[in-house]
Amino acid sequence: MNIRQCFSWSKPYYLVNREERNLCAILYHLLLINNNLDRFLDWLGCDKIPEGAVPAIYFEYSQLRDIWHGFKDSEVKRAYILDTLDYPSKHWLRSCSFHDFNSYFGAVKEASERYIQSPGRWAISRYDKIILNNDDFLKVSRFKWCFNAKPDIVIHLGDDRAVCIECKFESGEGLYPGADADRGIFAKRSLPLVQQTDIQAYLFQLLGVDCQFYYLVVNTAKVTSKHRAIMWHDVFQSLNSTGAPDYISEWIGRFSPNQLLQDDRPTVL
């Protein structure tokens, strides 16, 4: 007997789906149709898109990672890292081998001898033994996390302006680091965990993009103070779902205020 038979379960999956990424994908789809992007930006109260700029929408945005991958000059990459992290001009990292540079930051799985590896490959458990000053350690960690961060939905309003939407359903704001072992290192150093929204703000600073941040939630019981909170049912009501598959219309119908009040599943934010 399968689980649906055992539980006498007849609801289609889209009516109970709790996956945030699936919800983000539905929002992404709706923003691509029926002139919803302009409608959504107007509803948010965003500035008008500059004349000549071409807006674009990205799901699980990772521009910093992809710029790094697309640029091949390791010496420029070395200089960028050390300048951003404010290492002195005469620091030995500016002239050491690629292998020693990568090893210093604990690049995993193995330090390359041929090129400078992405900061996203650095390992806290390794550079913890080398970078003893807490301010420097935290600066390196924040920089590393930006290369792994992937905000849920980002709308580019030209090259230099963007809207970032962090989507939540049952989960609350993420904290860095995520791994228990790395959190133990932060505890040993008496360092606080770092908010997901702080890393997003730093990410766009590194990109040189002026960004407006929004936090999309089921309710505003517990929200970050860093981003403006907006609610799923308000967003869906602002969009035109004409032409979307019927199951999507039923799915987003779960986010009407009345339906949310009737839902006996506890909302955890």
Protein backbone atom coordinates (compact mmCIF):
# COMPACT_ATOMS: atom_id res chain seq x y z
CA MET A 1 0.00 0.00 0.00
CA ASN A 2 1.43 3.39 -0.95
CA ILE A 3 1.31 6.40 1.36
CA ARG A 4 -1.64 8.03 -0.42
CA GLN A 5 -3.68 4.86 -0.05
CA CYS A 6 -2.67 4.41 3.59
CA PHE A 7 -3.65 8.01 4.44
CA SER A 8 -6.72 8.01 2.16
CA TRP A 9 -5.14 11.08 0.60
CA SER A 10 -6.91 12.66 -2.35
CA LYS A 11 -5.60 16.23 -2.47
CA PRO A 12 -3.44 17.03 -5.53
CA TYR A 13 0.13 17.91 -4.66
CA TYR A 14 -0.09 21.57 -5.70
CA LEU A 15 -2.58 22.21 -2.89
CA VAL A 16 -0.15 21.06 -0.17
CA ASN A 17 3.22 21.88 -1.71
CA ARG A 18 5.44 23.65 0.85
CA GLU A 19 8.55 24.10 -1.28
CA GLU A 20 9.64 27.75 -1.36
CA ARG A 21 11.53 27.35 -4.63
CA ASN A 22 8.40 26.07 -6.35
CA LEU A 23 6.49 29.07 -5.05
CA CYS A 24 9.25 31.36 -6.31
CA ALA A 25 9.07 29.67 -9.71
CA ILE A 26 5.32 30.37 -9.91
CA LEU A 27 5.92 34.03 -9.09
CA TYR A 28 8.72 34.13 -11.68
CA HIS A 29 6.34 32.68 -14.28
CA LEU A 30 3.61 35.20 -13.50
CA LEU A 31 6.03 38.12 -13.73
CA LEU A 32 6.88 37.06 -17.29
CA ILE A 33 3.28 37.23 -18.59
CA ASN A 34 0.39 39.69 -18.96
CA ASN A 35 2.53 42.80 -18.44
CA ASN A 36 2.80 41.72 -14.80
CA LEU A 37 6.34 43.01 -14.38
CA ASP A 38 5.30 46.63 -14.93
CA ARG A 39 2.21 46.07 -12.77
CA PHE A 40 4.32 44.56 -9.97
CA LEU A 41 6.96 47.30 -10.01
CA ASP A 42 4.23 49.93 -9.95
CA TRP A 43 2.56 48.15 -7.03
CA LEU A 44 5.87 48.17 -5.14
CA GLY A 45 6.23 51.88 -5.81
CA CYS A 46 9.55 51.45 -7.59
CA ASP A 47 11.02 54.20 -9.72
CA LYS A 48 10.28 53.99 -13.41
CA ILE A 49 12.63 51.94 -15.55
CA PRO A 50 15.16 54.31 -17.17
CA GLU A 51 14.53 54.99 -20.85
CA GLY A 52 16.51 52.57 -22.99
CA ALA A 53 17.07 50.12 -20.12
CA VAL A 54 15.90 46.56 -20.65
CA PRO A 55 14.44 44.92 -17.52
CA ALA A 56 15.24 41.28 -16.87
CA ILE A 57 14.07 38.82 -14.21
CA TYR A 58 16.35 36.19 -12.65
CA PHE A 59 15.47 33.18 -10.51
CA GLU A 60 18.10 32.13 -7.92
CA TYR A 61 20.34 35.01 -8.92
CA SER A 62 24.09 34.33 -8.99
CA GLN A 63 25.71 37.08 -11.05
CA LEU A 64 28.77 37.39 -8.79
CA ARG A 65 29.54 33.68 -9.15
CA ASP A 66 29.03 33.77 -12.92
CA ILE A 67 31.16 36.87 -13.51
CA TRP A 68 33.95 35.11 -11.64
CA HIS A 69 33.54 32.02 -13.83
CA GLY A 70 33.49 34.05 -17.04
CA PHE A 71 36.68 36.03 -16.29
CA LYS A 72 39.94 34.10 -16.66
CA ASP A 73 42.82 36.37 -15.55
CA SER A 74 43.88 34.99 -12.16
CA GLU A 75 46.25 37.86 -11.37
CA VAL A 76 43.39 40.36 -11.71
CA LYS A 77 41.26 38.08 -9.54
CA ARG A 78 44.01 37.96 -6.91
CA ALA A 79 44.28 41.75 -6.86
CA TYR A 80 40.50 42.14 -6.65
CA ILE A 81 40.24 39.80 -3.65
CA LEU A 82 43.09 41.42 -1.73
CA ASP A 83 41.99 44.97 -2.51
CA THR A 84 38.42 44.22 -1.44
CA LEU A 85 39.58 42.53 1.75
CA ASP A 86 42.04 45.40 2.37
CA TYR A 87 45.23 43.36 2.56
CA PRO A 88 48.36 45.57 2.55
CA SER A 89 50.07 46.17 -0.79
CA LYS A 90 53.21 44.37 0.42
CA HIS A 91 51.42 41.35 1.88
CA TRP A 92 52.99 38.07 0.76
CA LEU A 93 49.66 36.93 -0.74
CA ARG A 94 50.14 39.46 -3.56
CA SER A 95 53.11 37.58 -5.00
CA CYS A 96 52.89 34.00 -3.72
CA SER A 97 52.05 30.98 -5.88
CA PHE A 98 48.44 30.28 -6.77
CA HIS A 99 48.63 27.12 -4.68
CA ASP A 100 49.76 29.02 -1.57
CA PHE A 101 47.12 31.71 -2.13
CA ASN A 102 44.33 29.15 -2.42
CA SER A 103 45.67 27.20 0.56
CA TYR A 104 45.70 30.32 2.74
CA PHE A 105 41.94 30.64 2.32
CA GLY A 106 41.39 26.90 2.63
CA ALA A 107 40.12 26.25 -0.90
CA VAL A 108 38.39 22.88 -1.16
CA LYS A 109 38.61 20.14 -2.15
CA GLU A 110 42.20 20.81 -3.15
CA ALA A 111 44.17 24.01 -3.66
CA SER A 112 44.83 24.61 -7.36
CA GLU A 113 48.33 25.32 -8.62
CA ARG A 114 47.03 26.72 -11.94
CA TYR A 115 44.54 29.44 -11.07
CA ILE A 116 42.93 31.47 -8.26
CA GLN A 117 39.89 29.57 -7.04
CA SER A 118 36.52 31.12 -6.34
CA PRO A 119 36.03 32.52 -2.83
CA GLY A 120 32.93 30.33 -2.75
CA ARG A 121 35.34 27.39 -2.42
CA TRP A 122 37.05 28.75 0.71
CA ALA A 123 36.58 26.71 3.88
CA ILE A 124 35.98 28.33 7.27
CA SER A 125 37.41 25.33 9.12
CA ARG A 126 40.71 25.79 7.29
CA TYR A 127 41.29 29.55 7.33
CA ASP A 128 40.13 29.62 10.97
CA LYS A 129 43.60 28.27 11.81
CA ILE A 130 45.36 31.00 9.81
CA ILE A 131 43.27 34.18 10.10
CA LEU A 132 43.35 34.85 13.83
CA ASN A 133 41.99 38.40 13.97
CA ASN A 134 38.19 38.30 14.32
CA ASP A 135 37.55 41.34 12.13
CA ASP A 136 39.63 39.89 9.31
CA PHE A 137 38.05 36.46 9.78
CA LEU A 138 34.53 37.90 9.56
CA LYS A 139 35.42 40.03 6.54
CA VAL A 140 36.75 36.97 4.69
CA SER A 141 33.68 34.93 5.66
CA ARG A 142 31.20 37.56 4.47
CA PHE A 143 33.07 37.86 1.17
CA LYS A 144 33.07 34.07 0.73
CA TRP A 145 29.33 33.77 1.39
CA CYS A 146 28.51 36.33 -1.30
CA PHE A 147 29.89 33.97 -3.94
CA ASN A 148 27.51 31.22 -2.80
CA ALA A 149 24.46 33.40 -2.11
CA LYS A 150 21.55 33.13 -4.57
CA PRO A 151 18.72 35.58 -3.84
CA ASP A 152 15.37 34.11 -4.86
CA ILE A 153 14.18 36.63 -7.45
CA VAL A 154 16.07 39.64 -8.78
CA ILE A 155 14.66 42.09 -11.29
CA HIS A 156 17.27 44.15 -13.12
CA LEU A 157 16.12 47.62 -14.15
CA GLY A 158 19.09 48.13 -16.44
CA ASP A 159 22.67 47.24 -15.50
CA ASP A 160 23.04 49.34 -12.36
CA ARG A 161 19.66 49.07 -10.58
CA ALA A 162 17.76 46.08 -9.28
CA VAL A 163 14.95 44.84 -7.07
CA CYS A 164 15.75 41.84 -4.85
CA ILE A 165 12.93 39.69 -3.46
CA GLU A 166 13.64 37.12 -0.76
CA CYS A 167 10.74 34.66 -0.71
CA LYS A 168 9.69 32.82 2.45
CA PHE A 169 6.88 30.36 3.07
CA GLU A 170 7.43 28.44 6.31
CA SER A 171 11.10 29.24 6.92
CA GLY A 172 12.51 32.32 8.57
CA GLU A 173 15.50 34.39 7.60
CA GLY A 174 18.62 32.34 7.00
CA LEU A 175 21.75 32.80 9.08
CA TYR A 176 25.41 32.31 8.16
CA PRO A 177 27.24 30.06 8.60
CA GLY A 178 24.84 27.18 8.09
CA ALA A 179 26.97 24.16 9.00
CA ASP A 180 27.07 23.18 12.68
CA ALA A 181 30.86 22.83 12.65
CA ASP A 182 31.29 26.34 11.26
CA ARG A 183 28.81 27.72 13.77
CA GLY A 184 30.94 26.12 16.47
CA ILE A 185 33.92 28.11 15.19
CA PHE A 186 31.89 31.33 15.34
CA ALA A 187 30.82 30.47 18.89
CA LYS A 188 34.43 29.78 19.89
CA ARG A 189 35.39 33.21 18.55
CA SER A 190 32.33 34.81 20.25
CA LEU A 191 31.13 36.05 16.88
CA PRO A 192 27.39 36.44 16.15
CA LEU A 193 25.79 34.66 13.21
CA VAL A 194 25.31 36.84 10.14
CA GLN A 195 21.86 37.55 8.69
CA GLN A 196 21.02 36.45 5.17
CA THR A 197 19.80 39.94 4.34
CA ASP A 198 23.15 41.45 5.35
CA ILE A 199 24.94 39.17 2.89
CA GLN A 200 22.48 40.09 0.14
CA ALA A 201 23.16 43.78 0.72
CA TYR A 202 26.93 43.16 0.57
CA LEU A 203 26.51 41.04 -2.58
CA PHE A 204 24.94 43.94 -4.48
CA GLN A 205 27.56 46.31 -3.10
CA LEU A 206 30.24 44.06 -4.59
CA LEU A 207 28.39 44.12 -7.91
CA GLY A 208 28.04 47.90 -7.86
CA VAL A 209 24.26 47.60 -8.25
CA ASP A 210 21.86 49.94 -6.46
CA CYS A 211 19.25 47.56 -5.08
CA GLN A 212 15.86 47.78 -3.36
CA PHE A 213 15.16 44.84 -1.06
CA TYR A 214 11.85 43.13 -0.26
CA TYR A 215 10.98 40.24 2.03
CA LEU A 216 8.01 38.21 0.76
CA VAL A 217 6.18 36.29 3.50
CA VAL A 218 2.87 34.63 4.38
CA ASN A 219 2.37 37.06 7.25
CA THR A 220 4.39 39.77 8.91
CA ALA A 221 4.54 38.21 12.38
CA LYS A 222 8.30 37.84 12.21
CA VAL A 223 10.19 39.67 9.52
CA THR A 224 13.61 41.15 9.05
CA SER A 225 14.10 44.82 9.84
CA LYS A 226 16.52 45.13 6.92
CA HIS A 227 14.06 44.52 4.05
CA ARG A 228 10.58 45.89 3.46
CA ALA A 229 8.01 43.13 4.11
CA ILE A 230 5.35 42.31 1.54
CA MET A 231 2.81 39.49 1.67
CA TRP A 232 2.13 36.68 -0.77
CA HIS A 233 -1.62 37.24 -0.97
CA ASP A 234 -1.11 40.95 -1.72
CA VAL A 235 1.43 40.16 -4.43
CA PHE A 236 -0.77 37.55 -6.10
CA GLN A 237 -3.76 39.90 -6.00
CA SER A 238 -1.69 42.53 -7.79
CA LEU A 239 -0.88 40.18 -10.70
CA ASN A 240 -2.94 39.00 -13.67
CA SER A 241 -2.90 35.19 -13.84
CA THR A 242 -4.97 34.99 -17.04
CA GLY A 243 -3.62 32.22 -19.23
CA ALA A 244 -1.78 30.46 -16.42
CA PRO A 245 -2.61 26.75 -15.95
CA ASP A 246 -5.66 26.09 -13.78
CA TYR A 247 -3.59 24.37 -11.11
CA ILE A 248 -1.49 27.53 -10.67
CA SER A 249 -4.64 29.60 -10.21
CA GLU A 250 -5.84 27.12 -7.57
CA TRP A 251 -2.40 27.01 -6.00
CA ILE A 252 -2.17 30.77 -5.52
CA GLY A 253 -5.76 30.76 -4.29
CA ARG A 254 -4.36 29.24 -1.09
CA PHE A 255 -2.92 32.65 -0.31
CA SER A 256 -6.19 34.53 -0.04
CA PRO A 257 -6.64 35.98 3.48
CA ASN A 258 -9.69 33.78 4.12
CA GLN A 259 -7.88 30.62 3.10
CA LEU A 260 -4.91 31.48 5.29
CA LEU A 261 -7.19 31.96 8.28
CA GLN A 262 -8.80 28.56 7.69
CA ASP A 263 -5.50 26.76 7.30
CA ASP A 264 -4.78 24.65 10.40
CA ARG A 265 -1.10 24.27 9.54
CA PRO A 266 1.03 26.45 11.82
CA THR A 267 2.95 29.13 10.00
CA VAL A 268 6.58 29.30 11.04
CA LEU A 269 8.48 32.40 10.02
